[in-house]
């Protein structure tokens, strides 16, 4: 039977990597939406002026 120490360390590292991945996905999505709305606002401003 394997020892629990390395297994717990591996799971802890995998949890940190997964958490970092989700943070990156959420920040990337927010940035992409922000840029899309900024472009729409710029196009609307240029169209109306």
Protein backbone atom coordinates (compact mmCIF):
# COMPACT_ATOMS: atom_id res chain seq x y z
CA UNK A 1 0.00 0.00 0.00
CA UNK A 2 1.50 3.39 -0.97
CA UNK A 3 2.19 6.02 1.62
CA UNK A 4 -0.33 8.84 1.96
CA UNK A 5 2.25 11.66 2.08
CA UNK A 6 3.24 11.78 -1.61
CA UNK A 7 -0.35 11.18 -2.67
CA UNK A 8 -1.62 14.08 -0.58
CA UNK A 9 1.17 16.32 -1.89
CA UNK A 10 0.29 15.37 -5.47
CA UNK A 11 -3.41 16.06 -4.90
CA UNK A 12 -2.61 19.39 -3.26
CA UNK A 13 -0.50 20.43 -6.23
CA UNK A 14 -3.21 19.31 -8.66
CA UNK A 15 -5.78 21.33 -6.72
CA UNK A 16 -3.60 24.46 -6.94
CA UNK A 17 -3.09 23.97 -10.67
CA UNK A 18 -6.83 23.48 -11.18
CA UNK A 19 -7.63 26.57 -9.13
CA UNK A 20 -5.12 28.63 -11.10
CA UNK A 21 -6.58 27.37 -14.35
CA UNK A 22 -10.10 28.43 -13.36
CA UNK A 23 -8.88 31.86 -12.24
CA UNK A 24 -7.14 32.28 -15.61
CA UNK A 25 -10.23 31.22 -17.53
CA UNK A 26 -12.45 33.62 -15.58
CA UNK A 27 -10.05 36.55 -15.94
CA UNK A 28 -9.60 35.85 -19.65
CA UNK A 29 -13.36 35.72 -20.17
CA UNK A 30 -13.88 38.97 -18.27
CA UNK A 31 -11.14 40.68 -20.26
CA UNK A 32 -12.55 39.42 -23.55
CA UNK A 33 -16.05 40.64 -22.67
CA UNK A 34 -14.66 44.00 -21.58
CA UNK A 35 -12.81 44.42 -24.86
CA UNK A 36 -15.89 43.40 -26.85
CA UNK A 37 -18.06 46.00 -25.09
CA UNK A 38 -15.35 48.64 -25.48
CA UNK A 39 -15.24 47.98 -29.24
CA UNK A 40 -19.02 48.12 -29.49
CA UNK A 41 -19.04 51.41 -27.60
CA UNK A 42 -16.32 52.83 -29.84
CA UNK A 43 -18.16 51.77 -32.98
CA UNK A 44 -21.43 53.23 -31.69
CA UNK A 45 -19.68 56.48 -30.78
CA UNK A 46 -18.04 56.72 -34.21
CA UNK A 47 -21.35 55.96 -35.92
CA UNK A 48 -23.28 58.60 -33.98
CA UNK A 49 -20.68 61.37 -34.20
